[in-house]
Amino acid sequence: MDVALSMTNYLFSKEEYEEKNLIFSPLSIQAALAVMDAGSDGRTSFSPSSDLTPLITSPL
């Protein structure tokens, strides 16, 4: 759950979201990361999930 909370802090600290309403579920991000981990194999499976944070939040 640390990754989801870290991502929440990252999103809410961005200036572009300061005056906007944002609905965000850390639990859904944790679930998505768990599914990605379950489907990965080898080196990817052992990578810390926090390495994925910039990749997931970049399109936002």
PDB file of N, CA and C in Angstrom:
ATOM      1  N   MET A   1       0.816  -1.191   0.000  1.00  0.00           N
ATOM      2  CA  MET A   1       0.000   0.000   0.000  1.00  0.00           C
ATOM      3  C   MET A   1       0.862   1.258   0.000  1.00  0.00           C
ATOM      4  N   ASP A   2       2.138   1.136   0.351  1.00  0.00           N
ATOM      5  CA  ASP A   2       3.030   2.295   0.364  1.00  0.00           C
ATOM      6  C   ASP A   2       3.138   2.939  -1.011  1.00  0.00           C
ATOM      7  N   VAL A   3       3.153   2.122  -2.051  1.00  0.00           N
ATOM      8  CA  VAL A   3       3.265   2.650  -3.412  1.00  0.00           C
ATOM      9  C   VAL A   3       2.034   3.474  -3.755  1.00  0.00           C
ATOM     10  N   ALA A   4       0.873   2.976  -3.399  1.00  0.00           N
ATOM     11  CA  ALA A   4      -0.364   3.700  -3.688  1.00  0.00           C
ATOM     12  C   ALA A   4      -0.402   5.033  -2.943  1.00  0.00           C
ATOM     13  N   LEU A   5       0.022   5.053  -1.705  1.00  0.00           N
ATOM     14  CA  LEU A   5       0.046   6.303  -0.946  1.00  0.00           C
ATOM     15  C   LEU A   5       1.094   7.260  -1.492  1.00  0.00           C
ATOM     16  N   SER A   6       2.219   6.721  -1.910  1.00  0.00           N
ATOM     17  CA  SER A   6       3.252   7.548  -2.530  1.00  0.00           C
ATOM     18  C   SER A   6       2.728   8.180  -3.816  1.00  0.00           C
ATOM     19  N   MET A   7       1.994   7.401  -4.589  1.00  0.00           N
ATOM     20  CA  MET A   7       1.425   7.911  -5.833  1.00  0.00           C
ATOM     21  C   MET A   7       0.372   8.981  -5.547  1.00  0.00           C
ATOM     22  N   THR A   8      -0.407   8.780  -4.505  1.00  0.00           N
ATOM     23  CA  THR A   8      -1.406   9.773  -4.115  1.00  0.00           C
ATOM     24  C   THR A   8      -0.732  11.089  -3.760  1.00  0.00           C
ATOM     25  N   ASN A   9       0.310  11.031  -2.966  1.00  0.00           N
ATOM     26  CA  ASN A   9       1.056  12.245  -2.611  1.00  0.00           C
ATOM     27  C   ASN A   9       1.641  12.910  -3.845  1.00  0.00           C
ATOM     28  N   TYR A  10       2.146  12.105  -4.770  1.00  0.00           N
ATOM     29  CA  TYR A  10       2.728  12.637  -6.002  1.00  0.00           C
ATOM     30  C   TYR A  10       1.672  13.385  -6.816  1.00  0.00           C
ATOM     31  N   LEU A  11       0.510  12.770  -6.986  1.00  0.00           N
ATOM     32  CA  LEU A  11      -0.543  13.399  -7.786  1.00  0.00           C
ATOM     33  C   LEU A  11      -1.057  14.680  -7.150  1.00  0.00           C
ATOM     34  N   PHE A  12      -1.316  14.643  -5.850  1.00  0.00           N
ATOM     35  CA  PHE A  12      -1.884  15.809  -5.197  1.00  0.00           C
ATOM     36  C   PHE A  12      -0.872  16.933  -4.992  1.00  0.00           C
ATOM     37  N   SER A  13       0.399  16.671  -5.178  1.00  0.00           N
ATOM     38  CA  SER A  13       1.398  17.726  -5.041  1.00  0.00           C
ATOM     39  C   SER A  13       1.619  18.474  -6.355  1.00  0.00           C
ATOM     40  N   LYS A  14       1.074  17.969  -7.451  1.00  0.00           N
ATOM     41  CA  LYS A  14       1.247  18.631  -8.745  1.00  0.00           C
ATOM     42  C   LYS A  14       0.413  19.913  -8.791  1.00  0.00           C
ATOM     43  N   GLU A  15       1.028  20.967  -9.274  1.00  0.00           N
ATOM     44  CA  GLU A  15       0.388  22.274  -9.325  1.00  0.00           C
ATOM     45  C   GLU A  15      -0.855  22.274 -10.217  1.00  0.00           C
ATOM     46  N   GLU A  16      -0.841  21.500 -11.284  1.00  0.00           N
ATOM     47  CA  GLU A  16      -1.964  21.498 -12.225  1.00  0.00           C
ATOM     48  C   GLU A  16      -3.253  20.927 -11.629  1.00  0.00           C
ATOM     49  N   TYR A  17      -3.151  20.210 -10.518  1.00  0.00           N
ATOM     50  CA  TYR A  17      -4.333  19.640  -9.880  1.00  0.00           C
ATOM     51  C   TYR A  17      -4.762  20.420  -8.641  1.00  0.00           C
ATOM     52  N   GLU A  18      -4.101  21.541  -8.359  1.00  0.00           N
ATOM     53  CA  GLU A  18      -4.380  22.301  -7.141  1.00  0.00           C
ATOM     54  C   GLU A  18      -5.829  22.753  -7.027  1.00  0.00           C
ATOM     55  N   GLU A  19      -6.386  23.296  -8.089  1.00  0.00           N
ATOM     56  CA  GLU A  19      -7.730  23.857  -8.026  1.00  0.00           C
ATOM     57  C   GLU A  19      -8.754  22.991  -8.751  1.00  0.00           C
ATOM     58  N   LYS A  20      -8.487  21.711  -8.870  1.00  0.00           N
ATOM     59  CA  LYS A  20      -9.402  20.806  -9.553  1.00  0.00           C
ATOM     60  C   LYS A  20      -9.868  19.719  -8.603  1.00  0.00           C
ATOM     61  N   ASN A  21     -11.038  19.204  -8.888  1.00  0.00           N
ATOM     62  CA  ASN A  21     -11.545  18.059  -8.135  1.00  0.00           C
ATOM     63  C   ASN A  21     -10.924  16.807  -8.726  1.00  0.00           C
ATOM     64  N   LEU A  22     -10.398  15.976  -7.884  1.00  0.00           N
ATOM     65  CA  LEU A  22      -9.728  14.764  -8.339  1.00  0.00           C
ATOM     66  C   LEU A  22     -10.188  13.597  -7.484  1.00  0.00           C
ATOM     67  N   ILE A  23     -10.697  12.574  -8.145  1.00  0.00           N
ATOM     68  CA  ILE A  23     -11.091  11.353  -7.439  1.00  0.00           C
ATOM     69  C   ILE A  23     -10.038  10.310  -7.743  1.00  0.00           C
ATOM     70  N   PHE A  24      -9.489   9.744  -6.696  1.00  0.00           N
ATOM     71  CA  PHE A  24      -8.364   8.830  -6.854  1.00  0.00           C
ATOM     72  C   PHE A  24      -8.464   7.751  -5.797  1.00  0.00           C
ATOM     73  N   SER A  25      -8.363   6.508  -6.200  1.00  0.00           N
ATOM     74  CA  SER A  25      -8.444   5.403  -5.254  1.00  0.00           C
ATOM     75  C   SER A  25      -7.095   4.696  -5.153  1.00  0.00           C
ATOM     76  N   PRO A  26      -6.375   4.883  -4.043  1.00  0.00           N
ATOM     77  CA  PRO A  26      -5.102   4.179  -3.872  1.00  0.00           C
ATOM     78  C   PRO A  26      -5.270   2.663  -3.917  1.00  0.00           C
ATOM     79  N   LEU A  27      -6.411   2.172  -3.460  1.00  0.00           N
ATOM     80  CA  LEU A  27      -6.650   0.736  -3.467  1.00  0.00           C
ATOM     81  C   LEU A  27      -6.722   0.186  -4.891  1.00  0.00           C
ATOM     82  N   SER A  28      -7.326   0.935  -5.816  1.00  0.00           N
ATOM     83  CA  SER A  28      -7.403   0.462  -7.201  1.00  0.00           C
ATOM     84  C   SER A  28      -6.020   0.425  -7.847  1.00  0.00           C
ATOM     85  N   ILE A  29      -5.160   1.376  -7.505  1.00  0.00           N
ATOM     86  CA  ILE A  29      -3.790   1.359  -8.030  1.00  0.00           C
ATOM     87  C   ILE A  29      -3.039   0.163  -7.465  1.00  0.00           C
ATOM     88  N   GLN A  30      -3.224  -0.108  -6.181  1.00  0.00           N
ATOM     89  CA  GLN A  30      -2.568  -1.264  -5.564  1.00  0.00           C
ATOM     90  C   GLN A  30      -3.034  -2.552  -6.228  1.00  0.00           C
ATOM     91  N   ALA A  31      -4.324  -2.639  -6.529  1.00  0.00           N
ATOM     92  CA  ALA A  31      -4.866  -3.831  -7.195  1.00  0.00           C
ATOM     93  C   ALA A  31      -4.287  -3.973  -8.602  1.00  0.00           C
ATOM     94  N   ALA A  32      -4.175  -2.871  -9.333  1.00  0.00           N
ATOM     95  CA  ALA A  32      -3.607  -2.915 -10.685  1.00  0.00           C
ATOM     96  C   ALA A  32      -2.144  -3.354 -10.647  1.00  0.00           C
ATOM     97  N   LEU A  33      -1.386  -2.850  -9.687  1.00  0.00           N
ATOM     98  CA  LEU A  33       0.015  -3.253  -9.560  1.00  0.00           C
ATOM     99  C   LEU A  33       0.132  -4.726  -9.179  1.00  0.00           C
ATOM    100  N   ALA A  34      -0.786  -5.213  -8.361  1.00  0.00           N
ATOM    101  CA  ALA A  34      -0.774  -6.629  -7.978  1.00  0.00           C
ATOM    102  C   ALA A  34      -1.050  -7.519  -9.184  1.00  0.00           C
ATOM    103  N   VAL A  35      -1.979  -7.105 -10.043  1.00  0.00           N
ATOM    104  CA  VAL A  35      -2.280  -7.871 -11.260  1.00  0.00           C
ATOM    105  C   VAL A  35      -1.075  -7.861 -12.197  1.00  0.00           C
ATOM    106  N   MET A  36      -0.422  -6.707 -12.332  1.00  0.00           N
ATOM    107  CA  MET A  36       0.768  -6.627 -13.189  1.00  0.00           C
ATOM    108  C   MET A  36       1.886  -7.507 -12.644  1.00  0.00           C
ATOM    109  N   ASP A  37       2.052  -7.525 -11.331  1.00  0.00           N
ATOM    110  CA  ASP A  37       3.084  -8.359 -10.720  1.00  0.00           C
ATOM    111  C   ASP A  37       2.777  -9.841 -10.919  1.00  0.00           C
ATOM    112  N   ALA A  38       1.512 -10.201 -10.789  1.00  0.00           N
ATOM    113  CA  ALA A  38       1.121 -11.604 -10.957  1.00  0.00           C
ATOM    114  C   ALA A  38       1.352 -12.075 -12.392  1.00  0.00           C
ATOM    115  N   GLY A  39       1.205 -11.170 -13.350  1.00  0.00           N
ATOM    116  CA  GLY A  39       1.379 -11.539 -14.753  1.00  0.00           C
ATOM    117  C   GLY A  39       2.798 -11.419 -15.256  1.00  0.00           C
ATOM    118  N   SER A  40       3.688 -10.877 -14.439  1.00  0.00           N
ATOM    119  CA  SER A  40       5.075 -10.700 -14.876  1.00  0.00           C
ATOM    120  C   SER A  40       5.916 -11.904 -14.479  1.00  0.00           C
ATOM    121  N   ASP A  41       7.066 -11.981 -15.104  1.00  0.00           N
ATOM    122  CA  ASP A  41       7.943 -13.116 -14.854  1.00  0.00           C
ATOM    123  C   ASP A  41       9.389 -12.628 -14.835  1.00  0.00           C
ATOM    124  N   GLY A  42      10.237 -13.333 -14.165  1.00  0.00           N
ATOM    125  CA  GLY A  42      11.670 -13.025 -14.178  1.00  0.00           C
ATOM    126  C   GLY A  42      12.013 -11.752 -13.442  1.00  0.00           C
ATOM    127  N   ARG A  43      12.898 -10.962 -14.050  1.00  0.00           N
ATOM    128  CA  ARG A  43      13.415  -9.751 -13.418  1.00  0.00           C
ATOM    129  C   ARG A  43      12.321  -8.726 -13.142  1.00  0.00           C
ATOM    130  N   THR A  44      11.358  -8.618 -14.046  1.00  0.00           N
ATOM    131  CA  THR A  44      10.265  -7.669 -13.864  1.00  0.00           C
ATOM    132  C   THR A  44       9.474  -7.976 -12.608  1.00  0.00           C
ATOM    133  N   SER A  45       9.306  -9.238 -12.317  1.00  0.00           N
ATOM    134  CA  SER A  45       8.545  -9.647 -11.144  1.00  0.00           C
ATOM    135  C   SER A  45       9.224  -9.210  -9.850  1.00  0.00           C
ATOM    136  N   PHE A  46      10.527  -9.078  -9.859  1.00  0.00           N
ATOM    137  CA  PHE A  46      11.261  -8.716  -8.648  1.00  0.00           C
ATOM    138  C   PHE A  46      11.500  -7.218  -8.516  1.00  0.00           C
ATOM    139  N   SER A  47      11.117  -6.421  -9.517  1.00  0.00           N
ATOM    140  CA  SER A  47      11.314  -4.976  -9.456  1.00  0.00           C
ATOM    141  C   SER A  47      10.374  -4.364  -8.426  1.00  0.00           C
ATOM    142  N   PRO A  48      10.859  -3.397  -7.658  1.00  0.00           N
ATOM    143  CA  PRO A  48       9.966  -2.721  -6.713  1.00  0.00           C
ATOM    144  C   PRO A  48       8.861  -1.987  -7.466  1.00  0.00           C
ATOM    145  N   SER A  49       7.661  -2.041  -6.955  1.00  0.00           N
ATOM    146  CA  SER A  49       6.524  -1.405  -7.620  1.00  0.00           C
ATOM    147  C   SER A  49       6.687   0.102  -7.722  1.00  0.00           C
ATOM    148  N   SER A  50       7.451   0.708  -6.825  1.00  0.00           N
ATOM    149  CA  SER A  50       7.619   2.157  -6.865  1.00  0.00           C
ATOM    150  C   SER A  50       8.353   2.600  -8.123  1.00  0.00           C
ATOM    151  N   ASP A  51       9.072   1.696  -8.781  1.00  0.00           N
ATOM    152  CA  ASP A  51       9.722   2.036 -10.042  1.00  0.00           C
ATOM    153  C   ASP A  51       8.703   2.334 -11.131  1.00  0.00           C
ATOM    154  N   LEU A  52       7.480   1.860 -10.974  1.00  0.00           N
ATOM    155  CA  LEU A  52       6.437   2.043 -11.977  1.00  0.00           C
ATOM    156  C   LEU A  52       5.684   3.354 -11.805  1.00  0.00           C
ATOM    157  N   THR A  53       5.846   4.019 -10.686  1.00  0.00           N
ATOM    158  CA  THR A  53       5.076   5.223 -10.400  1.00  0.00           C
ATOM    159  C   THR A  53       5.172   6.280 -11.496  1.00  0.00           C
ATOM    160  N   PRO A  54       6.360   6.661 -11.990  1.00  0.00           N
ATOM    161  CA  PRO A  54       6.411   7.671 -13.051  1.00  0.00           C
ATOM    162  C   PRO A  54       5.743   7.207 -14.343  1.00  0.00           C
ATOM    163  N   LEU A  55       5.800   5.926 -14.633  1.00  0.00           N
ATOM    164  CA  LEU A  55       5.181   5.419 -15.857  1.00  0.00           C
ATOM    165  C   LEU A  55       3.668   5.491 -15.794  1.00  0.00           C
ATOM    166  N   ILE A  56       3.127   5.242 -14.634  1.00  0.00           N
ATOM    167  CA  ILE A  56       1.674   5.247 -14.489  1.00  0.00           C
ATOM    168  C   ILE A  56       1.137   6.670 -14.428  1.00  0.00           C
ATOM    169  N   THR A  57       1.837   7.568 -13.771  1.00  0.00           N
ATOM    170  CA  THR A  57       1.329   8.924 -13.592  1.00  0.00           C
ATOM    171  C   THR A  57       1.681   9.853 -14.736  1.00  0.00           C
ATOM    172  N   SER A  58       2.579   9.472 -15.644  1.00  0.00           N
ATOM    173  CA  SER A  58       2.981  10.372 -16.720  1.00  0.00           C
ATOM    174  C   SER A  58       1.833  10.775 -17.643  1.00  0.00           C
ATOM    175  N   PRO A  59       0.882   9.885 -17.992  1.00  0.00           N
ATOM    176  CA  PRO A  59      -0.210  10.326 -18.857  1.00  0.00           C
ATOM    177  C   PRO A  59      -1.221  11.227 -18.156  1.00  0.00           C
ATOM    178  N   LEU A  60      -1.191  11.271 -16.833  1.00  0.00           N
ATOM    179  CA  LEU A  60      -2.194  12.057 -16.107  1.00  0.00           C
ATOM    180  C   LEU A  60      -1.925  13.500 -16.217  1.00  0.00           C
TER     181      LEU A  60
END
